[in-house]
Amino acid sequence: MKHTILLAGSGNIGRRHLQALSGLNRRLNLIIIEPEDSARQASAALLAPFAGQIAFRLQSDSADLPTSVDLAIIATSAGPRRKVFESLISATHPNFILFEKILFTTRRDLDECEEILSKLEIPAAVNCGRRGFHDYGRLRDELGSRRGLSMNVFGSDWNICSNGIHFLDLATHLFADMPLSVSEAELEPHPVPSRHPGCIEFFGSLVAQMAGGGAVKLTSLRSPGVPFAIEITHQKEKWTIEEAKGRLTYEIGGQEQYSRPFEAMMVSRMGHLYTEILDSRQSRLPSYRTSAIHHRLFVDAIRRRLGMHLSEDMPCPIS
């Protein structure tokens, strides 16, 4: 069987999806929509070695699409995502949609796109990919039925506005728990320019309260040199994950009990995320509905710190 996959946006993030798809060892028909000529050329060069199993075409808009596709991946930045989403579903019917994050940056877009997906009965997920790491799956099993777990995520200048949503989702995944609120009180008062044009970042902390009683604290430090780490605590227990070093350490009462390798998986090595969607129209990634709950809390906190009204349509400048 040959699956048809539509990719909207083949910049850096989009090409990571192409790398993963090219490693599936499946016959695929790829349609890539990308307005920038240089990005189309880079995508063609990436896929050329796989011409025996992957047929692909590159185009600048959503013209001449088939009536349906097995999977649509929307890998644009947050700004144009609503327009791209509506353009795609007016031209074709995806059997599943995979969105990149930040998902949307207004409540109106989050709410109305959820309504559209429900009306059209299109299942959708958001690419918070740590759910695909095998070692996080192992840790989730080990945490088991513990309740009231907390998570502390910290390091120097790790782009909290762009990446913080990953760790709200990771806590939901590991703890089988949902955030109730996100506070911006510990963010520094003034934003700094982001690497994304027209967007901002913050230093300081966002703090989420979880339904089970624990908390998730996300801290991006202005001071350099602090390695990125994730700490999970429960009473006297602590699990420390150092993704860059490939290590997980477990302590009780401050005494190390064991340390073991931890693999932070590259997108190109997580083909299982795509095969389960193609085979079953289901995904271990967070559903649109679950991720939209996270995004509403997260984006509202950033909007409050920027002095923006929560309900206005002006996009929050993050991506």
C-alpha atoms as a PDB file:
ATOM      1  CA  MET A   1       0.000   0.000   0.000  1.00  0.00           C
ATOM      2  CA  LYS A   2       1.280   3.444  -0.895  1.00  0.00           C
ATOM      3  CA  HIS A   3       0.405   6.215   1.540  1.00  0.00           C
ATOM      4  CA  THR A   4      -0.076   9.829   0.499  1.00  0.00           C
ATOM      5  CA  ILE A   5       1.347  12.392   2.916  1.00  0.00           C
ATOM      6  CA  LEU A   6       1.036  16.144   2.642  1.00  0.00           C
ATOM      7  CA  LEU A   7       3.641  18.379   4.286  1.00  0.00           C
ATOM      8  CA  ALA A   8       2.873  22.104   4.581  1.00  0.00           C
ATOM      9  CA  GLY A   9       6.085  23.948   5.323  1.00  0.00           C
ATOM     10  CA  SER A  10       9.510  22.455   4.560  1.00  0.00           C
ATOM     11  CA  GLY A  11      11.774  24.798   6.482  1.00  0.00           C
ATOM     12  CA  ASN A  12      14.053  23.419   9.180  1.00  0.00           C
ATOM     13  CA  ILE A  13      11.267  21.747  11.151  1.00  0.00           C
ATOM     14  CA  GLY A  14       9.502  20.465   8.047  1.00  0.00           C
ATOM     15  CA  ARG A  15      12.677  18.825   6.780  1.00  0.00           C
ATOM     16  CA  ARG A  16      13.024  16.967  10.079  1.00  0.00           C
ATOM     17  CA  HIS A  17       9.686  15.358   9.272  1.00  0.00           C
ATOM     18  CA  LEU A  18      10.992  14.484   5.813  1.00  0.00           C
ATOM     19  CA  GLN A  19      14.063  12.845   7.348  1.00  0.00           C
ATOM     20  CA  ALA A  20      11.857  10.663   9.527  1.00  0.00           C
ATOM     21  CA  LEU A  21       9.531   9.755   6.669  1.00  0.00           C
ATOM     22  CA  SER A  22      12.428   8.855   4.382  1.00  0.00           C
ATOM     23  CA  GLY A  23      13.606   6.321   6.963  1.00  0.00           C
ATOM     24  CA  LEU A  24      10.329   4.390   7.142  1.00  0.00           C
ATOM     25  CA  ASN A  25      11.226   1.970   4.349  1.00  0.00           C
ATOM     26  CA  ARG A  26       7.711   2.357   2.973  1.00  0.00           C
ATOM     27  CA  ARG A  27       6.367   3.364  -0.409  1.00  0.00           C
ATOM     28  CA  LEU A  28       5.161   6.922  -0.007  1.00  0.00           C
ATOM     29  CA  ASN A  29       3.704   9.647  -2.144  1.00  0.00           C
ATOM     30  CA  LEU A  30       4.737  13.014  -0.674  1.00  0.00           C
ATOM     31  CA  ILE A  31       3.225  16.373  -1.576  1.00  0.00           C
ATOM     32  CA  ILE A  32       5.252  19.265  -0.177  1.00  0.00           C
ATOM     33  CA  ILE A  33       3.820  22.780  -0.085  1.00  0.00           C
ATOM     34  CA  GLU A  34       6.486  25.410   0.477  1.00  0.00           C
ATOM     35  CA  PRO A  35       6.461  28.985  -0.874  1.00  0.00           C
ATOM     36  CA  GLU A  36      10.231  29.533  -0.513  1.00  0.00           C
ATOM     37  CA  ASP A  37      12.250  28.277  -3.479  1.00  0.00           C
ATOM     38  CA  SER A  38      15.386  27.619  -1.403  1.00  0.00           C
ATOM     39  CA  ALA A  39      13.445  25.410   1.031  1.00  0.00           C
ATOM     40  CA  ARG A  40      11.893  23.469  -1.867  1.00  0.00           C
ATOM     41  CA  GLN A  41      15.359  22.869  -3.319  1.00  0.00           C
ATOM     42  CA  ALA A  42      16.675  21.662   0.058  1.00  0.00           C
ATOM     43  CA  SER A  43      13.735  19.267   0.366  1.00  0.00           C
ATOM     44  CA  ALA A  44      14.296  17.881  -3.129  1.00  0.00           C
ATOM     45  CA  ALA A  45      17.976  17.264  -2.336  1.00  0.00           C
ATOM     46  CA  LEU A  46      17.056  15.491   0.904  1.00  0.00           C
ATOM     47  CA  LEU A  47      14.572  13.163  -0.815  1.00  0.00           C
ATOM     48  CA  ALA A  48      16.531  12.468  -4.014  1.00  0.00           C
ATOM     49  CA  PRO A  49      18.394   9.405  -2.606  1.00  0.00           C
ATOM     50  CA  PHE A  50      15.025   7.761  -1.804  1.00  0.00           C
ATOM     51  CA  ALA A  51      13.477   8.087  -5.265  1.00  0.00           C
ATOM     52  CA  GLY A  52      13.035   4.304  -5.497  1.00  0.00           C
ATOM     53  CA  GLN A  53      10.441   4.213  -2.724  1.00  0.00           C
ATOM     54  CA  ILE A  54       9.291   7.835  -2.342  1.00  0.00           C
ATOM     55  CA  ALA A  55       7.554   9.758  -5.082  1.00  0.00           C
ATOM     56  CA  PHE A  56       7.343  13.455  -4.312  1.00  0.00           C
ATOM     57  CA  ARG A  57       6.253  16.705  -5.776  1.00  0.00           C
ATOM     58  CA  LEU A  58       6.973  20.215  -4.549  1.00  0.00           C
ATOM     59  CA  GLN A  59       4.647  23.139  -5.043  1.00  0.00           C
ATOM     60  CA  SER A  60       4.230  26.668  -3.733  1.00  0.00           C
ATOM     61  CA  ASP A  61       0.527  26.505  -2.822  1.00  0.00           C
ATOM     62  CA  SER A  62      -2.370  24.108  -2.191  1.00  0.00           C
ATOM     63  CA  ALA A  63      -3.538  23.864  -5.809  1.00  0.00           C
ATOM     64  CA  ASP A  64      -4.339  20.486  -7.426  1.00  0.00           C
ATOM     65  CA  LEU A  65      -4.386  18.409  -4.257  1.00  0.00           C
ATOM     66  CA  PRO A  66      -5.999  14.951  -4.204  1.00  0.00           C
ATOM     67  CA  THR A  67      -9.438  14.641  -2.651  1.00  0.00           C
ATOM     68  CA  SER A  68      -7.927  12.947   0.419  1.00  0.00           C
ATOM     69  CA  VAL A  69      -4.544  12.232   1.983  1.00  0.00           C
ATOM     70  CA  ASP A  70      -3.561   9.740   4.663  1.00  0.00           C
ATOM     71  CA  LEU A  71      -1.678  12.304   6.751  1.00  0.00           C
ATOM     72  CA  ALA A  72      -1.239  16.073   6.631  1.00  0.00           C
ATOM     73  CA  ILE A  73       1.633  17.624   8.580  1.00  0.00           C
ATOM     74  CA  ILE A  74       1.392  21.370   9.198  1.00  0.00           C
ATOM     75  CA  ALA A  75       4.954  22.440   9.971  1.00  0.00           C
ATOM     76  CA  THR A  76       4.701  26.170   9.405  1.00  0.00           C
ATOM     77  CA  SER A  77       5.420  28.741  12.105  1.00  0.00           C
ATOM     78  CA  ALA A  78       2.488  29.685  14.338  1.00  0.00           C
ATOM     79  CA  GLY A  79       1.654  32.940  12.546  1.00  0.00           C
ATOM     80  CA  PRO A  80       0.289  31.552   9.246  1.00  0.00           C
ATOM     81  CA  ARG A  81      -0.859  28.192  10.645  1.00  0.00           C
ATOM     82  CA  ARG A  82      -4.604  28.961  10.807  1.00  0.00           C
ATOM     83  CA  LYS A  83      -4.635  30.187   7.214  1.00  0.00           C
ATOM     84  CA  VAL A  84      -2.647  27.140   6.043  1.00  0.00           C
ATOM     85  CA  PHE A  85      -4.918  24.771   7.983  1.00  0.00           C
ATOM     86  CA  GLU A  86      -8.087  26.223   6.467  1.00  0.00           C
ATOM     87  CA  SER A  87      -6.568  26.261   2.991  1.00  0.00           C
ATOM     88  CA  LEU A  88      -5.672  22.571   3.248  1.00  0.00           C
ATOM     89  CA  ILE A  89      -9.007  21.330   4.541  1.00  0.00           C
ATOM     90  CA  SER A  90     -10.808  23.279   1.821  1.00  0.00           C
ATOM     91  CA  ALA A  91      -8.712  21.484  -0.816  1.00  0.00           C
ATOM     92  CA  THR A  92      -8.403  17.947   0.570  1.00  0.00           C
ATOM     93  CA  HIS A  93      -9.639  15.706   3.393  1.00  0.00           C
ATOM     94  CA  PRO A  94      -6.789  14.488   5.636  1.00  0.00           C
ATOM     95  CA  ASN A  95      -7.374  11.236   7.486  1.00  0.00           C
ATOM     96  CA  PHE A  96      -5.146  12.624  10.249  1.00  0.00           C
ATOM     97  CA  ILE A  97      -3.440  15.976  10.902  1.00  0.00           C
ATOM     98  CA  LEU A  98      -0.181  16.450  12.769  1.00  0.00           C
ATOM     99  CA  PHE A  99       0.400  20.045  13.892  1.00  0.00           C
ATOM    100  CA  GLU A 100       3.680  21.577  14.953  1.00  0.00           C
ATOM    101  CA  LYS A 101       3.803  23.795  17.996  1.00  0.00           C
ATOM    102  CA  ILE A 102       3.392  26.542  19.114  1.00  0.00           C
ATOM    103  CA  LEU A 103      -0.075  25.470  17.962  1.00  0.00           C
ATOM    104  CA  PHE A 104      -1.911  28.811  17.827  1.00  0.00           C
ATOM    105  CA  THR A 105      -1.412  32.013  19.795  1.00  0.00           C
ATOM    106  CA  THR A 106      -4.978  33.244  20.308  1.00  0.00           C
ATOM    107  CA  ARG A 107      -7.840  31.593  22.130  1.00  0.00           C
ATOM    108  CA  ARG A 108     -10.089  32.191  19.129  1.00  0.00           C
ATOM    109  CA  ASP A 109      -7.829  30.162  16.828  1.00  0.00           C
ATOM    110  CA  LEU A 110      -7.393  27.386  19.395  1.00  0.00           C
ATOM    111  CA  ASP A 111     -11.152  27.138  19.982  1.00  0.00           C
ATOM    112  CA  GLU A 112     -12.397  27.536  16.431  1.00  0.00           C
ATOM    113  CA  CYS A 113      -9.895  25.121  14.887  1.00  0.00           C
ATOM    114  CA  GLU A 114     -10.862  22.537  17.497  1.00  0.00           C
ATOM    115  CA  GLU A 115     -14.488  22.995  16.475  1.00  0.00           C
ATOM    116  CA  ILE A 116     -13.600  22.594  12.792  1.00  0.00           C
ATOM    117  CA  LEU A 117     -11.692  19.358  13.449  1.00  0.00           C
ATOM    118  CA  SER A 118     -14.594  17.994  15.489  1.00  0.00           C
ATOM    119  CA  LYS A 119     -17.161  18.910  12.850  1.00  0.00           C
ATOM    120  CA  LEU A 120     -15.107  17.270  10.077  1.00  0.00           C
ATOM    121  CA  GLU A 121     -14.250  14.279  12.320  1.00  0.00           C
ATOM    122  CA  ILE A 122     -10.538  14.620  11.573  1.00  0.00           C
ATOM    123  CA  PRO A 123      -8.295  13.208  14.317  1.00  0.00           C
ATOM    124  CA  ALA A 124      -5.326  15.427  15.074  1.00  0.00           C
ATOM    125  CA  ALA A 125      -2.258  15.521  17.306  1.00  0.00           C
ATOM    126  CA  VAL A 126       0.455  18.035  18.170  1.00  0.00           C
ATOM    127  CA  ASN A 127       4.122  17.200  17.779  1.00  0.00           C
ATOM    128  CA  CYS A 128       5.359  17.279  21.365  1.00  0.00           C
ATOM    129  CA  GLY A 129       7.804  14.544  20.468  1.00  0.00           C
ATOM    130  CA  ARG A 130       9.208  13.541  23.848  1.00  0.00           C
ATOM    131  CA  ARG A 131       6.261  11.166  24.105  1.00  0.00           C
ATOM    132  CA  GLY A 132       8.078   9.207  21.412  1.00  0.00           C
ATOM    133  CA  PHE A 133      11.318   8.766  23.418  1.00  0.00           C
ATOM    134  CA  HIS A 134      11.537   5.141  24.538  1.00  0.00           C
ATOM    135  CA  ASP A 135      13.354   6.132  27.738  1.00  0.00           C
ATOM    136  CA  TYR A 136      10.569   8.500  28.766  1.00  0.00           C
ATOM    137  CA  GLY A 137       8.178   5.604  28.239  1.00  0.00           C
ATOM    138  CA  ARG A 138      10.324   3.500  30.579  1.00  0.00           C
ATOM    139  CA  LEU A 139      10.381   6.299  33.167  1.00  0.00           C
ATOM    140  CA  ARG A 140       6.605   6.688  32.941  1.00  0.00           C
ATOM    141  CA  ASP A 141       6.229   3.008  33.778  1.00  0.00           C
ATOM    142  CA  GLU A 142       8.598   3.381  36.740  1.00  0.00           C
ATOM    143  CA  LEU A 143       6.739   6.382  38.141  1.00  0.00           C
ATOM    144  CA  GLY A 144       3.663   4.185  38.085  1.00  0.00           C
ATOM    145  CA  SER A 145       0.866   5.188  40.438  1.00  0.00           C
ATOM    146  CA  ARG A 146       2.761   7.888  42.361  1.00  0.00           C
ATOM    147  CA  ARG A 147       0.675  11.035  42.704  1.00  0.00           C
ATOM    148  CA  GLY A 148       1.657  14.602  43.474  1.00  0.00           C
ATOM    149  CA  LEU A 149       4.814  14.434  41.364  1.00  0.00           C
ATOM    150  CA  SER A 150       6.599  17.696  40.519  1.00  0.00           C
ATOM    151  CA  MET A 151       8.970  18.680  37.714  1.00  0.00           C
ATOM    152  CA  ASN A 152      11.703  21.311  37.615  1.00  0.00           C
ATOM    153  CA  VAL A 153      13.076  22.203  34.162  1.00  0.00           C
ATOM    154  CA  PHE A 154      16.024  24.604  34.101  1.00  0.00           C
ATOM    155  CA  GLY A 155      19.075  25.744  32.168  1.00  0.00           C
ATOM    156  CA  SER A 156      20.624  28.747  30.464  1.00  0.00           C
ATOM    157  CA  ASP A 157      18.658  30.529  27.735  1.00  0.00           C
ATOM    158  CA  TRP A 158      16.665  27.559  26.393  1.00  0.00           C
ATOM    159  CA  ASN A 159      13.873  29.598  24.772  1.00  0.00           C
ATOM    160  CA  ILE A 160      11.050  29.077  27.224  1.00  0.00           C
ATOM    161  CA  CYS A 161       8.389  30.693  24.997  1.00  0.00           C
ATOM    162  CA  SER A 162       9.206  28.393  22.076  1.00  0.00           C
ATOM    163  CA  ASN A 163       9.870  25.200  24.018  1.00  0.00           C
ATOM    164  CA  GLY A 164       8.038  25.409  27.344  1.00  0.00           C
ATOM    165  CA  ILE A 165       4.899  23.755  25.956  1.00  0.00           C
ATOM    166  CA  HIS A 166       6.928  20.551  25.467  1.00  0.00           C
ATOM    167  CA  PHE A 167       7.386  20.215  29.219  1.00  0.00           C
ATOM    168  CA  LEU A 168       3.798  20.895  30.189  1.00  0.00           C
ATOM    169  CA  ASP A 169       3.016  18.016  27.848  1.00  0.00           C
ATOM    170  CA  LEU A 170       5.838  15.853  29.208  1.00  0.00           C
ATOM    171  CA  ALA A 171       4.518  16.304  32.755  1.00  0.00           C
ATOM    172  CA  THR A 172       1.015  15.382  31.595  1.00  0.00           C
ATOM    173  CA  HIS A 173       2.428  12.283  29.913  1.00  0.00           C
ATOM    174  CA  LEU A 174       4.679  11.118  32.758  1.00  0.00           C
ATOM    175  CA  PHE A 175       2.364  11.962  35.648  1.00  0.00           C
ATOM    176  CA  ALA A 176      -0.990  11.038  34.017  1.00  0.00           C
ATOM    177  CA  ASP A 177      -2.080  14.451  35.280  1.00  0.00           C
ATOM    178  CA  MET A 178      -3.184  17.772  33.796  1.00  0.00           C
ATOM    179  CA  PRO A 179      -2.151  21.354  34.581  1.00  0.00           C
ATOM    180  CA  LEU A 180      -4.792  23.564  36.192  1.00  0.00           C
ATOM    181  CA  SER A 181      -3.015  26.914  35.914  1.00  0.00           C
ATOM    182  CA  VAL A 182       0.187  28.547  34.694  1.00  0.00           C
ATOM    183  CA  SER A 183       1.597  31.587  36.511  1.00  0.00           C
ATOM    184  CA  GLU A 184       3.872  34.175  34.900  1.00  0.00           C
ATOM    185  CA  ALA A 185       4.691  35.926  38.217  1.00  0.00           C
ATOM    186  CA  GLU A 186       8.311  34.708  38.194  1.00  0.00           C
ATOM    187  CA  LEU A 187       9.099  35.740  34.615  1.00  0.00           C
ATOM    188  CA  GLU A 188      11.401  38.733  34.285  1.00  0.00           C
ATOM    189  CA  PRO A 189       9.343  41.852  33.428  1.00  0.00           C
ATOM    190  CA  HIS A 190      10.898  42.638  30.060  1.00  0.00           C
ATOM    191  CA  PRO A 191      11.047  40.319  27.014  1.00  0.00           C
ATOM    192  CA  VAL A 192      14.037  39.907  24.725  1.00  0.00           C
ATOM    193  CA  PRO A 193      14.073  39.296  20.947  1.00  0.00           C
ATOM    194  CA  SER A 194      13.611  35.709  19.822  1.00  0.00           C
ATOM    195  CA  ARG A 195      15.536  33.963  17.068  1.00  0.00           C
ATOM    196  CA  HIS A 196      12.146  33.889  15.297  1.00  0.00           C
ATOM    197  CA  PRO A 197      11.686  37.258  13.528  1.00  0.00           C
ATOM    198  CA  GLY A 198       9.040  39.414  15.170  1.00  0.00           C
ATOM    199  CA  CYS A 199       8.817  37.176  18.251  1.00  0.00           C
ATOM    200  CA  ILE A 200       9.984  37.470  21.848  1.00  0.00           C
ATOM    201  CA  GLU A 201      11.445  35.337  24.618  1.00  0.00           C
ATOM    202  CA  PHE A 202      11.549  35.685  28.399  1.00  0.00           C
ATOM    203  CA  PHE A 203      14.020  34.809  31.109  1.00  0.00           C
ATOM    204  CA  GLY A 204      12.728  33.626  34.482  1.00  0.00           C
ATOM    205  CA  SER A 205      10.133  31.019  35.391  1.00  0.00           C
ATOM    206  CA  LEU A 206       6.672  29.843  34.476  1.00  0.00           C
ATOM    207  CA  VAL A 207       5.007  27.754  37.202  1.00  0.00           C
ATOM    208  CA  ALA A 208       2.156  25.340  36.517  1.00  0.00           C
ATOM    209  CA  GLN A 209      -0.011  23.785  39.201  1.00  0.00           C
ATOM    210  CA  MET A 210      -1.053  20.222  38.433  1.00  0.00           C
ATOM    211  CA  ALA A 211      -4.426  18.700  39.265  1.00  0.00           C
ATOM    212  CA  GLY A 212      -2.761  16.001  41.379  1.00  0.00           C
ATOM    213  CA  GLY A 213      -1.111  18.533  43.697  1.00  0.00           C
ATOM    214  CA  GLY A 214       2.360  18.782  42.178  1.00  0.00           C
ATOM    215  CA  ALA A 215       3.915  21.656  40.262  1.00  0.00           C
ATOM    216  CA  VAL A 216       5.920  22.148  37.075  1.00  0.00           C
ATOM    217  CA  LYS A 217       8.504  24.942  37.154  1.00  0.00           C
ATOM    218  CA  LEU A 218      10.107  25.994  33.869  1.00  0.00           C
ATOM    219  CA  THR A 219      13.156  28.259  34.284  1.00  0.00           C
ATOM    220  CA  SER A 220      15.244  29.840  31.537  1.00  0.00           C
ATOM    221  CA  LEU A 221      18.282  31.464  33.146  1.00  0.00           C
ATOM    222  CA  ARG A 222      19.878  34.644  31.857  1.00  0.00           C
ATOM    223  CA  SER A 223      23.251  33.632  33.315  1.00  0.00           C
ATOM    224  CA  PRO A 224      25.219  31.398  30.908  1.00  0.00           C
ATOM    225  CA  GLY A 225      26.762  28.008  31.519  1.00  0.00           C
ATOM    226  CA  VAL A 226      23.984  26.136  33.350  1.00  0.00           C
ATOM    227  CA  PRO A 227      23.346  22.826  31.526  1.00  0.00           C
ATOM    228  CA  PHE A 228      19.756  22.012  30.655  1.00  0.00           C
ATOM    229  CA  ALA A 229      18.212  19.424  32.997  1.00  0.00           C
ATOM    230  CA  ILE A 230      14.857  18.024  34.070  1.00  0.00           C
ATOM    231  CA  GLU A 231      14.261  17.005  37.688  1.00  0.00           C
ATOM    232  CA  ILE A 232      11.236  15.006  38.805  1.00  0.00           C
ATOM    233  CA  THR A 233      10.568  14.767  42.533  1.00  0.00           C
ATOM    234  CA  HIS A 234       8.248  12.785  44.782  1.00  0.00           C
ATOM    235  CA  GLN A 235       8.733  12.978  48.544  1.00  0.00           C
ATOM    236  CA  LYS A 236      12.399  11.905  49.039  1.00  0.00           C
ATOM    237  CA  GLU A 237      12.813  10.552  45.495  1.00  0.00           C
ATOM    238  CA  LYS A 238      14.392  12.480  42.618  1.00  0.00           C
ATOM    239  CA  TRP A 239      14.959  11.532  38.976  1.00  0.00           C
ATOM    240  CA  THR A 240      17.329  13.811  37.030  1.00  0.00           C
ATOM    241  CA  ILE A 241      17.374  13.632  33.236  1.00  0.00           C
ATOM    242  CA  GLU A 242      20.282  15.254  31.402  1.00  0.00           C
ATOM    243  CA  GLU A 243      19.257  14.841  27.795  1.00  0.00           C
ATOM    244  CA  ALA A 244      22.438  16.311  26.280  1.00  0.00           C
ATOM    245  CA  LYS A 245      24.636  14.022  28.370  1.00  0.00           C
ATOM    246  CA  GLY A 246      22.393  11.014  27.758  1.00  0.00           C
ATOM    247  CA  ARG A 247      21.969  10.200  31.424  1.00  0.00           C
ATOM    248  CA  LEU A 248      19.218   9.563  33.988  1.00  0.00           C
ATOM    249  CA  THR A 249      20.070   9.525  37.707  1.00  0.00           C
ATOM    250  CA  TYR A 250      17.819   8.327  40.531  1.00  0.00           C
ATOM    251  CA  GLU A 251      18.272   9.445  44.156  1.00  0.00           C
ATOM    252  CA  ILE A 252      16.551   8.809  47.463  1.00  0.00           C
ATOM    253  CA  GLY A 253      17.179  11.318  50.233  1.00  0.00           C
ATOM    254  CA  GLY A 254      20.044  12.843  48.275  1.00  0.00           C
ATOM    255  CA  GLN A 255      21.849   9.503  47.876  1.00  0.00           C
ATOM    256  CA  GLU A 256      22.328   8.207  44.342  1.00  0.00           C
ATOM    257  CA  GLN A 257      20.758   4.786  43.822  1.00  0.00           C
ATOM    258  CA  TYR A 258      21.638   4.308  40.150  1.00  0.00           C
ATOM    259  CA  SER A 259      22.517   6.086  36.927  1.00  0.00           C
ATOM    260  CA  ARG A 260      21.731   4.778  33.472  1.00  0.00           C
ATOM    261  CA  PRO A 261      21.930   5.882  29.839  1.00  0.00           C
ATOM    262  CA  PHE A 262      19.085   8.000  28.499  1.00  0.00           C
ATOM    263  CA  GLU A 263      18.527   8.465  24.773  1.00  0.00           C
ATOM    264  CA  ALA A 264      17.135  11.809  23.629  1.00  0.00           C
ATOM    265  CA  MET A 265      15.835  10.658  20.276  1.00  0.00           C
ATOM    266  CA  MET A 266      16.281  12.615  17.076  1.00  0.00           C
ATOM    267  CA  VAL A 267      13.173  13.102  14.955  1.00  0.00           C
ATOM    268  CA  SER A 268      14.765  10.997  12.216  1.00  0.00           C
ATOM    269  CA  ARG A 269      14.830   8.023  14.622  1.00  0.00           C
ATOM    270  CA  MET A 270      11.161   8.233  15.604  1.00  0.00           C
ATOM    271  CA  GLY A 271       9.560   6.689  12.573  1.00  0.00           C
ATOM    272  CA  HIS A 272       7.222   4.832  14.919  1.00  0.00           C
ATOM    273  CA  LEU A 273       5.308   8.090  15.449  1.00  0.00           C
ATOM    274  CA  TYR A 274       4.373   8.149  11.762  1.00  0.00           C
ATOM    275  CA  THR A 275       3.758   4.436  11.220  1.00  0.00           C
ATOM    276  CA  GLU A 276       1.208   4.249  14.034  1.00  0.00           C
ATOM    277  CA  ILE A 277      -0.697   7.177  12.509  1.00  0.00           C
ATOM    278  CA  LEU A 278      -0.625   5.646   9.027  1.00  0.00           C
ATOM    279  CA  ASP A 279      -1.612   2.203  10.303  1.00  0.00           C
ATOM    280  CA  SER A 280      -4.270   3.108  12.854  1.00  0.00           C
ATOM    281  CA  ARG A 281      -5.161   6.837  12.628  1.00  0.00           C
ATOM    282  CA  GLN A 282      -4.049   7.045  16.264  1.00  0.00           C
ATOM    283  CA  SER A 283      -1.008   8.593  17.922  1.00  0.00           C
ATOM    284  CA  ARG A 284       0.807   8.536  21.249  1.00  0.00           C
ATOM    285  CA  LEU A 285       1.406  12.266  20.743  1.00  0.00           C
ATOM    286  CA  PRO A 286      -1.011  14.583  22.573  1.00  0.00           C
ATOM    287  CA  SER A 287      -4.363  15.005  20.887  1.00  0.00           C
ATOM    288  CA  TYR A 288      -5.301  18.445  19.624  1.00  0.00           C
ATOM    289  CA  ARG A 289      -7.809  18.753  22.475  1.00  0.00           C
ATOM    290  CA  THR A 290      -5.243  17.917  25.177  1.00  0.00           C
ATOM    291  CA  SER A 291      -2.581  20.161  23.677  1.00  0.00           C
ATOM    292  CA  ALA A 292      -5.055  23.025  23.240  1.00  0.00           C
ATOM    293  CA  ILE A 293      -5.699  22.919  27.009  1.00  0.00           C
ATOM    294  CA  HIS A 294      -1.946  23.265  27.590  1.00  0.00           C
ATOM    295  CA  HIS A 295      -1.652  26.023  24.992  1.00  0.00           C
ATOM    296  CA  ARG A 296      -4.501  28.091  26.451  1.00  0.00           C
ATOM    297  CA  LEU A 297      -2.850  28.136  29.888  1.00  0.00           C
ATOM    298  CA  PHE A 298       0.643  28.684  28.498  1.00  0.00           C
ATOM    299  CA  VAL A 299      -0.204  31.406  25.989  1.00  0.00           C
ATOM    300  CA  ASP A 300      -2.456  33.195  28.490  1.00  0.00           C
ATOM    301  CA  ALA A 301       0.481  33.420  30.915  1.00  0.00           C
ATOM    302  CA  ILE A 302       2.725  34.967  28.247  1.00  0.00           C
ATOM    303  CA  ARG A 303      -0.039  37.359  27.196  1.00  0.00           C
ATOM    304  CA  ARG A 304      -0.543  38.499  30.789  1.00  0.00           C
ATOM    305  CA  ARG A 305       3.169  39.186  31.205  1.00  0.00           C
ATOM    306  CA  LEU A 306       3.083  41.244  27.989  1.00  0.00           C
ATOM    307  CA  GLY A 307       0.006  43.168  29.172  1.00  0.00           C
ATOM    308  CA  MET A 308      -2.178  41.726  26.403  1.00  0.00           C
ATOM    309  CA  HIS A 309      -5.874  40.941  26.857  1.00  0.00           C
ATOM    310  CA  LEU A 310      -6.535  37.211  26.859  1.00  0.00           C
ATOM    311  CA  SER A 311      -9.478  37.291  24.462  1.00  0.00           C
ATOM    312  CA  GLU A 312      -8.212  39.716  21.824  1.00  0.00           C
ATOM    313  CA  ASP A 313      -7.349  38.455  18.364  1.00  0.00           C
ATOM    314  CA  MET A 314      -3.910  40.063  18.181  1.00  0.00           C
ATOM    315  CA  PRO A 315      -1.480  37.098  18.104  1.00  0.00           C
ATOM    316  CA  CYS A 316       0.884  36.582  21.009  1.00  0.00           C
ATOM    317  CA  PRO A 317       4.394  37.111  19.519  1.00  0.00           C
ATOM    318  CA  ILE A 318       5.778  33.617  20.138  1.00  0.00           C
ATOM    319  CA  SER A 319       6.403  30.720  17.775  1.00  0.00           C
END
